[in-house]
Amino acid sequence: MIPYRAMLIASVVAAVVGAGWWARSTLIQQGYDKATAEYTKLVVAAQQARDDEILKRLSATKELEDAQKIHGKEVAALYLDLDAARRASRAESAGLHTAALAAAARARAQCADTAATAVRSTASDAIGVLAYVFERADTRAGVLGGIAEERGIAGRACERSYDAAREKLKTN
């Protein structure tokens, strides 16, 4: 038989070990619950930060797209103005060409005197050549001017879009 004292010591040891095991498991569970709560808070905060950043970037993208649309409308208006100016220039050029042809016809008529036959052929040819050269130079100047205007409009539009995007990205 086991002496009474040994049994009492064994019971006390078993009680202490049991209490220690219970305390340890309770503390571990509480620590786990606390760590889980902290982790959950961190995950929610990270998701919120990510969502905020996504919304910020979407907003910036929308603003840039809106600015691009506005610039596009302004450029389209500039091209319409350029087309109107071209039409006016062509009409003026046609008037000048008609005037040059009329001057050449008058010069030929004035040189119709039979006594001035030698002068008539050279004078009328020179005036005709001058009218032709004037017409060609005016046409070419119109083409080159149109190209320069188109490229100028495109360059200014590109520059404005770039500056707007750069400023928007600086503020973000």
Protein backbone atom coordinates (compact mmCIF):
# COMPACT_ATOMS: atom_id res chain seq x y z
CA MET A 1 0.00 0.00 0.00
CA ILE A 2 1.03 3.51 -0.67
CA PRO A 3 1.66 5.63 2.35
CA TYR A 4 -0.71 8.45 2.99
CA ARG A 5 1.95 11.15 2.59
CA ALA A 6 3.10 9.89 -0.79
CA MET A 7 -0.46 9.93 -1.98
CA LEU A 8 -0.92 13.47 -0.73
CA ILE A 9 2.30 14.60 -2.45
CA ALA A 10 1.26 12.84 -5.67
CA SER A 11 -2.16 14.55 -5.50
CA VAL A 12 -0.58 17.95 -4.92
CA VAL A 13 1.88 17.41 -7.77
CA ALA A 14 -0.96 16.28 -10.04
CA ALA A 15 -3.04 19.32 -9.03
CA VAL A 16 -0.12 21.70 -9.66
CA VAL A 17 0.66 20.09 -13.02
CA GLY A 18 -3.02 20.16 -13.98
CA ALA A 19 -3.36 23.81 -12.90
CA GLY A 20 -0.19 24.67 -14.79
CA TRP A 21 -1.42 22.92 -17.91
CA TRP A 22 -4.81 24.65 -17.65
CA ALA A 23 -3.16 28.06 -17.07
CA ARG A 24 -0.74 27.52 -19.91
CA SER A 25 -3.45 26.51 -22.37
CA THR A 26 -5.64 29.43 -21.25
CA LEU A 27 -2.79 31.94 -21.65
CA ILE A 28 -1.86 30.49 -25.02
CA GLN A 29 -5.48 30.74 -26.17
CA GLN A 30 -5.71 34.33 -24.95
CA GLY A 31 -2.44 35.21 -26.69
CA TYR A 32 -3.64 33.51 -29.86
CA ASP A 33 -6.93 35.41 -29.72
CA LYS A 34 -5.10 38.70 -29.16
CA ALA A 35 -2.64 37.99 -31.99
CA THR A 36 -5.52 37.03 -34.29
CA ALA A 37 -7.33 40.27 -33.46
CA GLU A 38 -4.17 42.33 -34.15
CA TYR A 39 -3.55 40.46 -37.40
CA THR A 40 -7.13 41.05 -38.48
CA LYS A 41 -6.78 44.78 -37.73
CA LEU A 42 -3.57 44.94 -39.76
CA VAL A 43 -5.14 43.08 -42.69
CA VAL A 44 -8.17 45.39 -42.68
CA ALA A 45 -5.91 48.48 -42.50
CA ALA A 46 -3.77 47.19 -45.39
CA GLN A 47 -6.86 46.47 -47.50
CA GLN A 48 -8.25 49.93 -46.75
CA ALA A 49 -4.93 51.56 -47.69
CA ARG A 50 -4.85 49.57 -50.93
CA ASP A 51 -8.45 50.53 -51.74
CA ASP A 52 -7.71 54.19 -51.00
CA GLU A 53 -4.66 54.11 -53.30
CA ILE A 54 -6.68 52.45 -56.06
CA LEU A 55 -9.41 55.10 -55.75
CA LYS A 56 -6.80 57.86 -55.78
CA ARG A 57 -5.20 56.49 -58.92
CA LEU A 58 -8.56 55.97 -60.63
CA SER A 59 -9.50 59.54 -59.79
CA ALA A 60 -6.20 60.85 -61.19
CA THR A 61 -6.67 58.76 -64.34
CA LYS A 62 -10.21 60.09 -64.79
CA GLU A 63 -9.01 63.66 -64.36
CA LEU A 64 -6.27 63.12 -66.93
CA GLU A 65 -8.75 61.58 -69.37
CA ASP A 66 -11.11 64.51 -68.87
CA ALA A 67 -8.25 66.95 -69.47
CA GLN A 68 -7.34 65.02 -72.64
CA LYS A 69 -10.94 65.29 -73.87
CA ILE A 70 -10.94 69.03 -73.25
CA HIS A 71 -7.61 69.41 -75.05
CA GLY A 72 -8.96 67.30 -77.90
CA LYS A 73 -11.98 69.57 -78.28
CA GLU A 74 -9.77 72.65 -78.23
CA VAL A 75 -7.48 71.15 -80.88
CA ALA A 76 -10.49 70.22 -83.03
CA ALA A 77 -11.68 73.84 -82.80
CA LEU A 78 -8.21 75.05 -83.81
CA TYR A 79 -8.27 72.73 -86.84
CA LEU A 80 -11.72 74.05 -87.80
CA ASP A 81 -10.35 77.59 -87.59
CA LEU A 82 -7.37 76.53 -89.68
CA ASP A 83 -9.65 75.04 -92.32
CA ALA A 84 -11.69 78.25 -92.44
CA ALA A 85 -8.50 80.28 -92.82
CA ARG A 86 -7.36 77.96 -95.63
CA ARG A 87 -10.64 78.39 -97.48
CA ALA A 88 -10.37 82.17 -97.14
CA SER A 89 -6.76 82.05 -98.30
CA ARG A 90 -7.68 79.93 -101.32
CA ALA A 91 -10.44 82.35 -102.24
CA GLU A 92 -8.04 85.29 -101.93
CA SER A 93 -5.41 83.40 -103.93
CA ALA A 94 -7.93 82.67 -106.66
CA GLY A 95 -8.79 86.37 -106.77
CA LEU A 96 -5.12 87.32 -107.06
CA HIS A 97 -4.58 84.71 -109.75
CA THR A 98 -7.56 86.05 -111.68
CA ALA A 99 -6.18 89.57 -111.34
CA ALA A 100 -2.77 88.41 -112.58
CA LEU A 101 -4.36 86.71 -115.60
CA ALA A 102 -6.38 89.85 -116.31
CA ALA A 103 -3.20 91.96 -116.13
CA ALA A 104 -1.52 89.55 -118.54
CA ALA A 105 -4.48 89.81 -120.92
CA ARG A 106 -4.36 93.60 -120.74
CA ALA A 107 -0.64 93.56 -121.47
CA ARG A 108 -1.21 91.31 -124.46
CA ALA A 109 -3.97 93.58 -125.71
CA GLN A 110 -1.77 96.65 -125.37
CA CYS A 111 0.94 94.86 -127.29
CA ALA A 112 -1.51 94.01 -130.10
CA ASP A 113 -0.12 96.83 -132.20
CA THR A 114 1.34 95.25 -135.30
CA ALA A 115 4.21 97.65 -135.23
CA ALA A 116 5.28 96.22 -131.89
CA THR A 117 5.10 92.56 -132.86
CA ALA A 118 8.53 91.73 -131.46
CA VAL A 119 7.73 93.44 -128.17
CA ARG A 120 4.29 91.82 -128.02
CA SER A 121 5.50 88.22 -128.00
CA THR A 122 8.19 88.78 -125.40
CA ALA A 123 6.04 91.04 -123.18
CA SER A 124 3.00 88.76 -123.21
CA ASP A 125 5.16 85.69 -122.57
CA ALA A 126 6.93 87.42 -119.67
CA ILE A 127 3.65 88.48 -118.10
CA GLY A 128 2.21 84.98 -118.61
CA VAL A 129 5.29 83.43 -117.02
CA LEU A 130 5.09 85.91 -114.16
CA ALA A 131 1.41 85.03 -113.59
CA TYR A 132 2.24 81.32 -113.71
CA VAL A 133 5.17 81.69 -111.30
CA PHE A 134 3.04 83.82 -108.99
CA GLU A 135 0.27 81.21 -109.00
CA ARG A 136 2.71 78.35 -108.28
CA ALA A 137 4.48 80.28 -105.52
CA ASP A 138 1.18 81.20 -103.91
CA THR A 139 -0.07 77.60 -104.05
CA ARG A 140 3.16 76.26 -102.59
CA ALA A 141 3.18 78.90 -99.85
CA GLY A 142 -0.38 77.88 -98.96
CA VAL A 143 0.61 74.21 -98.74
CA LEU A 144 3.70 74.92 -96.63
CA GLY A 145 1.79 77.34 -94.43
CA GLY A 146 -0.90 74.72 -93.85
CA ILE A 147 1.68 72.10 -92.89
CA ALA A 148 3.35 74.54 -90.52
CA GLU A 149 0.02 75.46 -88.91
CA GLU A 150 -1.01 71.80 -88.49
CA ARG A 151 2.30 70.89 -86.89
CA GLY A 152 2.19 73.96 -84.68
CA ILE A 153 -1.30 73.08 -83.45
CA ALA A 154 -0.32 69.46 -82.84
CA GLY A 155 2.84 70.50 -81.00
CA ARG A 156 1.04 72.96 -78.75
CA ALA A 157 -1.67 70.39 -78.00
CA CYS A 158 0.93 67.76 -77.14
CA GLU A 159 2.81 70.20 -74.93
CA ARG A 160 -0.34 71.22 -73.06
CA SER A 161 -1.37 67.59 -72.51
CA TYR A 162 2.10 66.71 -71.25
CA ASP A 163 2.18 69.70 -68.89
CA ALA A 164 -1.28 68.90 -67.52
CA ALA A 165 -0.36 65.25 -66.93
CA ARG A 166 2.93 66.20 -65.29
CA GLU A 167 1.23 68.69 -62.95
CA LYS A 168 -1.44 66.14 -62.05
CA LEU A 169 1.17 63.50 -61.26
CA LYS A 170 3.12 65.99 -59.12
CA THR A 171 0.07 66.60 -56.92
CA ASN A 172 -0.49 62.88 -56.45
